[in-house]
Amino acid sequence: MVNALDIALVILIGWSTYKGWKTGLVQALLRLAGLVFAYILALAYGQALGEGLLGDDSTLFGIIGIIIVFLCVVFAVHYAARFLKVFLRATPLGIVDAAGGSILGLAQGVLAFGLLILLAYSYPLHNEIPEQIENSVLAGPVQQGALALVDAIETVFPRVKSAVEDLDIRSSDVPEVVKTLKTGADDARQKLDKIVKESKQRLDDVSK
């Protein structure tokens, strides 16, 4: 029987799909690539830029330089992607771009809300949440879809990481606060990996 969670999933994933159609595949992919390269370039050259512009080698100015480089790259890619989107939408390829964006938006919605359901089931804020998830018609397929996308990302990520390393962009000394954030992110990823493994086992048991 359909419950409130099913209605919420239809609305949220539908919204994500519509947003993907409006954004387009090319613009969405360029934005994602822009974030990756903004992160790489910010760590590689941000601290040197901060020290050069502000004349100080303190951690604070290094962080400011990293933020400046990151934002500049993100904004540059963002506006380049918007220009390319306008150009594509004026050609027959526009419908392909919109359709691809819809598919990507759907995948993003399934991934985001599927992982959110996995977290809510593993760490429920209310004792009725697991029951609501178990009684939902769509929660199971959305969780399965999210786990499949996680597997796909884990397969692709090492290749992307290898390609980035082949660029041979050397980072300068990274501020301690950035190292701390990276450590925190690594810990969070390990916890998420544990939740994913437990969820796969739980969903496999349910499907049997």
C-alpha atoms as a PDB file:
ATOM      1  CA  MET A   1       0.000   0.000   0.000  1.00  0.00           C
ATOM      2  CA  VAL A   2       1.279   3.466  -0.900  1.00  0.00           C
ATOM      3  CA  ASN A   3       2.312   5.554   2.116  1.00  0.00           C
ATOM      4  CA  ALA A   4       3.612   9.082   2.740  1.00  0.00           C
ATOM      5  CA  LEU A   5       7.177   8.053   1.911  1.00  0.00           C
ATOM      6  CA  ASP A   6       6.108   6.863  -1.547  1.00  0.00           C
ATOM      7  CA  ILE A   7       4.407  10.186  -2.258  1.00  0.00           C
ATOM      8  CA  ALA A   8       7.490  12.080  -1.070  1.00  0.00           C
ATOM      9  CA  LEU A   9       9.775   9.964  -3.271  1.00  0.00           C
ATOM     10  CA  VAL A  10       7.614  10.527  -6.358  1.00  0.00           C
ATOM     11  CA  ILE A  11       7.661  14.286  -5.780  1.00  0.00           C
ATOM     12  CA  LEU A  12      11.370  14.567  -4.934  1.00  0.00           C
ATOM     13  CA  ILE A  13      12.698  12.251  -7.642  1.00  0.00           C
ATOM     14  CA  GLY A  14      10.283  13.791 -10.142  1.00  0.00           C
ATOM     15  CA  TRP A  15      11.613  17.228  -9.214  1.00  0.00           C
ATOM     16  CA  SER A  16      15.200  16.018  -9.632  1.00  0.00           C
ATOM     17  CA  THR A  17      14.345  14.610 -13.078  1.00  0.00           C
ATOM     18  CA  TYR A  18      12.663  17.865 -14.138  1.00  0.00           C
ATOM     19  CA  LYS A  19      15.614  19.887 -12.881  1.00  0.00           C
ATOM     20  CA  GLY A  20      17.928  17.632 -14.893  1.00  0.00           C
ATOM     21  CA  TRP A  21      15.842  18.276 -18.014  1.00  0.00           C
ATOM     22  CA  LYS A  22      16.044  22.027 -17.443  1.00  0.00           C
ATOM     23  CA  THR A  23      19.783  21.916 -16.803  1.00  0.00           C
ATOM     24  CA  GLY A  24      20.749  19.555 -19.609  1.00  0.00           C
ATOM     25  CA  LEU A  25      23.316  16.781 -19.728  1.00  0.00           C
ATOM     26  CA  VAL A  26      26.260  18.840 -20.996  1.00  0.00           C
ATOM     27  CA  GLN A  27      25.861  21.608 -18.440  1.00  0.00           C
ATOM     28  CA  ALA A  28      25.457  19.127 -15.574  1.00  0.00           C
ATOM     29  CA  LEU A  29      28.542  17.126 -16.577  1.00  0.00           C
ATOM     30  CA  LEU A  30      30.634  20.257 -17.072  1.00  0.00           C
ATOM     31  CA  ARG A  31      29.612  21.536 -13.647  1.00  0.00           C
ATOM     32  CA  LEU A  32      30.642  18.233 -12.083  1.00  0.00           C
ATOM     33  CA  ALA A  33      33.972  18.267 -13.921  1.00  0.00           C
ATOM     34  CA  GLY A  34      34.410  21.892 -12.905  1.00  0.00           C
ATOM     35  CA  LEU A  35      34.036  21.013  -9.230  1.00  0.00           C
ATOM     36  CA  VAL A  36      36.639  18.261  -9.543  1.00  0.00           C
ATOM     37  CA  PHE A  37      39.200  20.447 -11.297  1.00  0.00           C
ATOM     38  CA  ALA A  38      38.424  23.419  -9.041  1.00  0.00           C
ATOM     39  CA  TYR A  39      39.277  21.222  -6.063  1.00  0.00           C
ATOM     40  CA  ILE A  40      42.493  19.979  -7.689  1.00  0.00           C
ATOM     41  CA  LEU A  41      43.687  23.406  -8.830  1.00  0.00           C
ATOM     42  CA  ALA A  42      42.735  25.035  -5.533  1.00  0.00           C
ATOM     43  CA  LEU A  43      44.884  22.608  -3.550  1.00  0.00           C
ATOM     44  CA  ALA A  44      47.719  22.844  -6.078  1.00  0.00           C
ATOM     45  CA  TYR A  45      47.939  26.625  -6.443  1.00  0.00           C
ATOM     46  CA  GLY A  46      45.626  28.214  -3.876  1.00  0.00           C
ATOM     47  CA  GLN A  47      48.103  28.595  -1.045  1.00  0.00           C
ATOM     48  CA  ALA A  48      50.784  30.028  -3.336  1.00  0.00           C
ATOM     49  CA  LEU A  49      48.242  32.511  -4.708  1.00  0.00           C
ATOM     50  CA  GLY A  50      47.169  33.560  -1.222  1.00  0.00           C
ATOM     51  CA  GLU A  51      50.753  34.118  -0.143  1.00  0.00           C
ATOM     52  CA  GLY A  52      51.600  35.993  -3.346  1.00  0.00           C
ATOM     53  CA  LEU A  53      48.579  38.305  -3.359  1.00  0.00           C
ATOM     54  CA  LEU A  54      48.390  38.965   0.356  1.00  0.00           C
ATOM     55  CA  GLY A  55      52.078  38.764   1.187  1.00  0.00           C
ATOM     56  CA  ASP A  56      51.706  36.423   4.126  1.00  0.00           C
ATOM     57  CA  ASP A  57      52.490  32.729   4.523  1.00  0.00           C
ATOM     58  CA  SER A  58      50.041  32.112   7.370  1.00  0.00           C
ATOM     59  CA  THR A  59      47.450  29.346   7.252  1.00  0.00           C
ATOM     60  CA  LEU A  60      44.598  31.865   7.012  1.00  0.00           C
ATOM     61  CA  PHE A  61      45.899  33.436   3.804  1.00  0.00           C
ATOM     62  CA  GLY A  62      46.596  29.994   2.373  1.00  0.00           C
ATOM     63  CA  ILE A  63      42.962  29.055   2.948  1.00  0.00           C
ATOM     64  CA  ILE A  64      41.805  32.343   1.393  1.00  0.00           C
ATOM     65  CA  GLY A  65      43.906  31.585  -1.690  1.00  0.00           C
ATOM     66  CA  ILE A  66      42.413  28.096  -1.944  1.00  0.00           C
ATOM     67  CA  ILE A  67      38.889  29.541  -1.747  1.00  0.00           C
ATOM     68  CA  ILE A  68      39.686  32.175  -4.404  1.00  0.00           C
ATOM     69  CA  VAL A  69      41.039  29.614  -6.881  1.00  0.00           C
ATOM     70  CA  PHE A  70      38.166  27.208  -6.226  1.00  0.00           C
ATOM     71  CA  LEU A  71      35.464  29.839  -6.747  1.00  0.00           C
ATOM     72  CA  CYS A  72      37.122  31.313  -9.846  1.00  0.00           C
ATOM     73  CA  VAL A  73      37.315  27.912 -11.551  1.00  0.00           C
ATOM     74  CA  VAL A  74      33.746  27.001 -10.546  1.00  0.00           C
ATOM     75  CA  PHE A  75      32.310  30.286 -11.847  1.00  0.00           C
ATOM     76  CA  ALA A  76      34.320  30.101 -15.085  1.00  0.00           C
ATOM     77  CA  VAL A  77      33.105  26.569 -15.823  1.00  0.00           C
ATOM     78  CA  HIS A  78      29.552  27.470 -14.780  1.00  0.00           C
ATOM     79  CA  TYR A  79      29.238  30.316 -17.270  1.00  0.00           C
ATOM     80  CA  ALA A  80      30.986  28.364 -20.022  1.00  0.00           C
ATOM     81  CA  ALA A  81      28.522  25.507 -19.460  1.00  0.00           C
ATOM     82  CA  ARG A  82      25.542  27.883 -19.590  1.00  0.00           C
ATOM     83  CA  PHE A  83      26.769  29.351 -22.874  1.00  0.00           C
ATOM     84  CA  LEU A  84      27.216  25.879 -24.365  1.00  0.00           C
ATOM     85  CA  LYS A  85      23.745  24.863 -23.155  1.00  0.00           C
ATOM     86  CA  VAL A  86      22.132  27.869 -24.892  1.00  0.00           C
ATOM     87  CA  PHE A  87      23.994  26.977 -28.076  1.00  0.00           C
ATOM     88  CA  LEU A  88      22.931  23.314 -27.941  1.00  0.00           C
ATOM     89  CA  ARG A  89      19.278  24.104 -27.208  1.00  0.00           C
ATOM     90  CA  ALA A  90      19.188  26.142 -30.434  1.00  0.00           C
ATOM     91  CA  THR A  91      20.183  23.053 -32.441  1.00  0.00           C
ATOM     92  CA  PRO A  92      18.581  19.616 -32.992  1.00  0.00           C
ATOM     93  CA  LEU A  93      20.961  18.303 -30.332  1.00  0.00           C
ATOM     94  CA  GLY A  94      18.998  20.257 -27.746  1.00  0.00           C
ATOM     95  CA  ILE A  95      16.434  17.480 -27.294  1.00  0.00           C
ATOM     96  CA  VAL A  96      19.235  14.951 -26.783  1.00  0.00           C
ATOM     97  CA  ASP A  97      20.852  17.231 -24.217  1.00  0.00           C
ATOM     98  CA  ALA A  98      17.533  17.662 -22.380  1.00  0.00           C
ATOM     99  CA  ALA A  99      16.772  13.921 -22.429  1.00  0.00           C
ATOM    100  CA  GLY A 100      20.255  13.101 -21.175  1.00  0.00           C
ATOM    101  CA  GLY A 101      19.846  15.691 -18.442  1.00  0.00           C
ATOM    102  CA  SER A 102      16.561  14.070 -17.397  1.00  0.00           C
ATOM    103  CA  ILE A 103      18.228  10.673 -17.085  1.00  0.00           C
ATOM    104  CA  LEU A 104      21.102  12.164 -15.101  1.00  0.00           C
ATOM    105  CA  GLY A 105      18.648  14.037 -12.877  1.00  0.00           C
ATOM    106  CA  LEU A 106      16.718  10.818 -12.269  1.00  0.00           C
ATOM    107  CA  ALA A 107      19.946   9.020 -11.337  1.00  0.00           C
ATOM    108  CA  GLN A 108      20.963  11.834  -8.994  1.00  0.00           C
ATOM    109  CA  GLY A 109      17.565  11.754  -7.313  1.00  0.00           C
ATOM    110  CA  VAL A 110      17.639   7.986  -6.851  1.00  0.00           C
ATOM    111  CA  LEU A 111      21.203   8.141  -5.500  1.00  0.00           C
ATOM    112  CA  ALA A 112      20.593  11.028  -3.095  1.00  0.00           C
ATOM    113  CA  PHE A 113      17.243   9.929  -1.701  1.00  0.00           C
ATOM    114  CA  GLY A 114      18.154   6.247  -1.782  1.00  0.00           C
ATOM    115  CA  LEU A 115      21.216   6.887   0.382  1.00  0.00           C
ATOM    116  CA  LEU A 116      19.122   9.103   2.643  1.00  0.00           C
ATOM    117  CA  ILE A 117      16.689   6.218   3.164  1.00  0.00           C
ATOM    118  CA  LEU A 118      19.588   3.864   3.912  1.00  0.00           C
ATOM    119  CA  LEU A 119      20.884   6.284   6.541  1.00  0.00           C
ATOM    120  CA  ALA A 120      17.411   6.813   8.001  1.00  0.00           C
ATOM    121  CA  TYR A 121      16.914   3.057   8.304  1.00  0.00           C
ATOM    122  CA  SER A 122      20.339   2.472   9.883  1.00  0.00           C
ATOM    123  CA  TYR A 123      20.111   5.468  12.239  1.00  0.00           C
ATOM    124  CA  PRO A 124      16.384   6.172  12.696  1.00  0.00           C
ATOM    125  CA  LEU A 125      15.416   9.388  14.492  1.00  0.00           C
ATOM    126  CA  HIS A 126      12.056   7.809  15.372  1.00  0.00           C
ATOM    127  CA  ASN A 127      11.170   4.192  16.036  1.00  0.00           C
ATOM    128  CA  GLU A 128       8.454   4.228  13.337  1.00  0.00           C
ATOM    129  CA  ILE A 129      10.834   5.196  10.520  1.00  0.00           C
ATOM    130  CA  PRO A 130      12.101   1.643   9.752  1.00  0.00           C
ATOM    131  CA  GLU A 131       8.497   0.401   9.575  1.00  0.00           C
ATOM    132  CA  GLN A 132       7.535   3.209   7.187  1.00  0.00           C
ATOM    133  CA  ILE A 133      10.480   2.304   4.963  1.00  0.00           C
ATOM    134  CA  GLU A 134       9.652  -1.410   5.014  1.00  0.00           C
ATOM    135  CA  ASN A 135       5.994  -0.729   4.134  1.00  0.00           C
ATOM    136  CA  SER A 136       6.859   1.640   1.290  1.00  0.00           C
ATOM    137  CA  VAL A 137       6.323   0.421  -2.277  1.00  0.00           C
ATOM    138  CA  LEU A 138       9.113   2.557  -3.755  1.00  0.00           C
ATOM    139  CA  ALA A 139      11.675   2.611  -0.939  1.00  0.00           C
ATOM    140  CA  GLY A 140      13.025  -0.848  -1.811  1.00  0.00           C
ATOM    141  CA  PRO A 141      13.611  -0.192  -5.537  1.00  0.00           C
ATOM    142  CA  VAL A 142      15.045   3.261  -4.787  1.00  0.00           C
ATOM    143  CA  GLN A 143      17.489   1.770  -2.274  1.00  0.00           C
ATOM    144  CA  GLN A 144      18.479  -0.935  -4.768  1.00  0.00           C
ATOM    145  CA  GLY A 145      18.977   1.709  -7.440  1.00  0.00           C
ATOM    146  CA  ALA A 146      21.119   3.820  -5.120  1.00  0.00           C
ATOM    147  CA  LEU A 147      23.295   0.832  -4.230  1.00  0.00           C
ATOM    148  CA  ALA A 148      23.739  -0.019  -7.931  1.00  0.00           C
ATOM    149  CA  LEU A 149      24.812   3.573  -8.610  1.00  0.00           C
ATOM    150  CA  VAL A 150      27.244   3.441  -5.682  1.00  0.00           C
ATOM    151  CA  ASP A 151      28.800   0.308  -7.199  1.00  0.00           C
ATOM    152  CA  ALA A 152      29.085   2.068 -10.572  1.00  0.00           C
ATOM    153  CA  ILE A 153      30.710   5.125  -8.996  1.00  0.00           C
ATOM    154  CA  GLU A 154      33.181   2.949  -7.093  1.00  0.00           C
ATOM    155  CA  THR A 155      34.090   1.280 -10.397  1.00  0.00           C
ATOM    156  CA  VAL A 156      34.609   4.557 -12.263  1.00  0.00           C
ATOM    157  CA  PHE A 157      36.302   6.554  -9.477  1.00  0.00           C
ATOM    158  CA  PRO A 158      39.693   4.762  -9.585  1.00  0.00           C
ATOM    159  CA  ARG A 159      39.901   5.480 -13.327  1.00  0.00           C
ATOM    160  CA  VAL A 160      39.131   9.157 -12.772  1.00  0.00           C
ATOM    161  CA  LYS A 161      41.670   9.324  -9.960  1.00  0.00           C
ATOM    162  CA  SER A 162      44.296   7.698 -12.200  1.00  0.00           C
ATOM    163  CA  ALA A 163      43.553  10.167 -15.003  1.00  0.00           C
ATOM    164  CA  VAL A 164      43.937  13.100 -12.599  1.00  0.00           C
ATOM    165  CA  GLU A 165      47.241  11.726 -11.330  1.00  0.00           C
ATOM    166  CA  ASP A 166      48.444  11.461 -14.936  1.00  0.00           C
ATOM    167  CA  LEU A 167      47.999  15.242 -15.222  1.00  0.00           C
ATOM    168  CA  ASP A 168      50.893  15.505 -12.738  1.00  0.00           C
ATOM    169  CA  ILE A 169      49.490  18.552 -10.938  1.00  0.00           C
ATOM    170  CA  ARG A 170      51.550  18.898  -7.793  1.00  0.00           C
ATOM    171  CA  SER A 171      49.970  20.340  -4.683  1.00  0.00           C
ATOM    172  CA  SER A 172      51.790  22.807  -2.484  1.00  0.00           C
ATOM    173  CA  ASP A 173      51.744  22.363   1.293  1.00  0.00           C
ATOM    174  CA  VAL A 174      48.116  22.009   2.239  1.00  0.00           C
ATOM    175  CA  PRO A 175      46.880  23.917   5.325  1.00  0.00           C
ATOM    176  CA  GLU A 176      46.198  21.762   8.382  1.00  0.00           C
ATOM    177  CA  VAL A 177      42.504  22.639   8.357  1.00  0.00           C
ATOM    178  CA  VAL A 178      42.178  21.125   4.871  1.00  0.00           C
ATOM    179  CA  LYS A 179      43.960  17.972   6.041  1.00  0.00           C
ATOM    180  CA  THR A 180      41.577  17.792   8.995  1.00  0.00           C
ATOM    181  CA  LEU A 181      38.555  18.135   6.717  1.00  0.00           C
ATOM    182  CA  LYS A 182      39.935  15.412   4.446  1.00  0.00           C
ATOM    183  CA  THR A 183      40.407  13.106   7.438  1.00  0.00           C
ATOM    184  CA  GLY A 184      36.824  13.771   8.515  1.00  0.00           C
ATOM    185  CA  ALA A 185      35.600  13.062   4.989  1.00  0.00           C
ATOM    186  CA  ASP A 186      37.544   9.778   4.922  1.00  0.00           C
ATOM    187  CA  ASP A 187      35.970   8.733   8.229  1.00  0.00           C
ATOM    188  CA  ALA A 188      32.498   9.600   6.920  1.00  0.00           C
ATOM    189  CA  ARG A 189      33.143   7.592   3.755  1.00  0.00           C
ATOM    190  CA  GLN A 190      34.170   4.553   5.799  1.00  0.00           C
ATOM    191  CA  LYS A 191      30.944   4.778   7.821  1.00  0.00           C
ATOM    192  CA  LEU A 192      28.941   5.104   4.609  1.00  0.00           C
ATOM    193  CA  ASP A 193      30.709   2.057   3.156  1.00  0.00           C
ATOM    194  CA  LYS A 194      29.698   0.091   6.247  1.00  0.00           C
ATOM    195  CA  ILE A 195      26.066   1.206   5.902  1.00  0.00           C
ATOM    196  CA  VAL A 196      26.077   0.277   2.203  1.00  0.00           C
ATOM    197  CA  LYS A 197      27.375  -3.234   2.927  1.00  0.00           C
ATOM    198  CA  GLU A 198      24.839  -3.794   5.700  1.00  0.00           C
ATOM    199  CA  SER A 199      22.024  -2.459   3.513  1.00  0.00           C
ATOM    200  CA  LYS A 200      22.951  -4.760   0.635  1.00  0.00           C
ATOM    201  CA  GLN A 201      22.745  -7.744   2.972  1.00  0.00           C
ATOM    202  CA  ARG A 202      19.418  -6.550   4.417  1.00  0.00           C
ATOM    203  CA  LEU A 203      17.837  -6.004   0.995  1.00  0.00           C
ATOM    204  CA  ASP A 204      19.133  -9.357  -0.247  1.00  0.00           C
ATOM    205  CA  ASP A 205      17.508 -11.064   2.750  1.00  0.00           C
ATOM    206  CA  VAL A 206      14.209  -9.273   2.071  1.00  0.00           C
ATOM    207  CA  SER A 207      14.186 -10.286  -1.600  1.00  0.00           C
ATOM    208  CA  LYS A 208      14.704 -13.975  -0.790  1.00  0.00           C
END
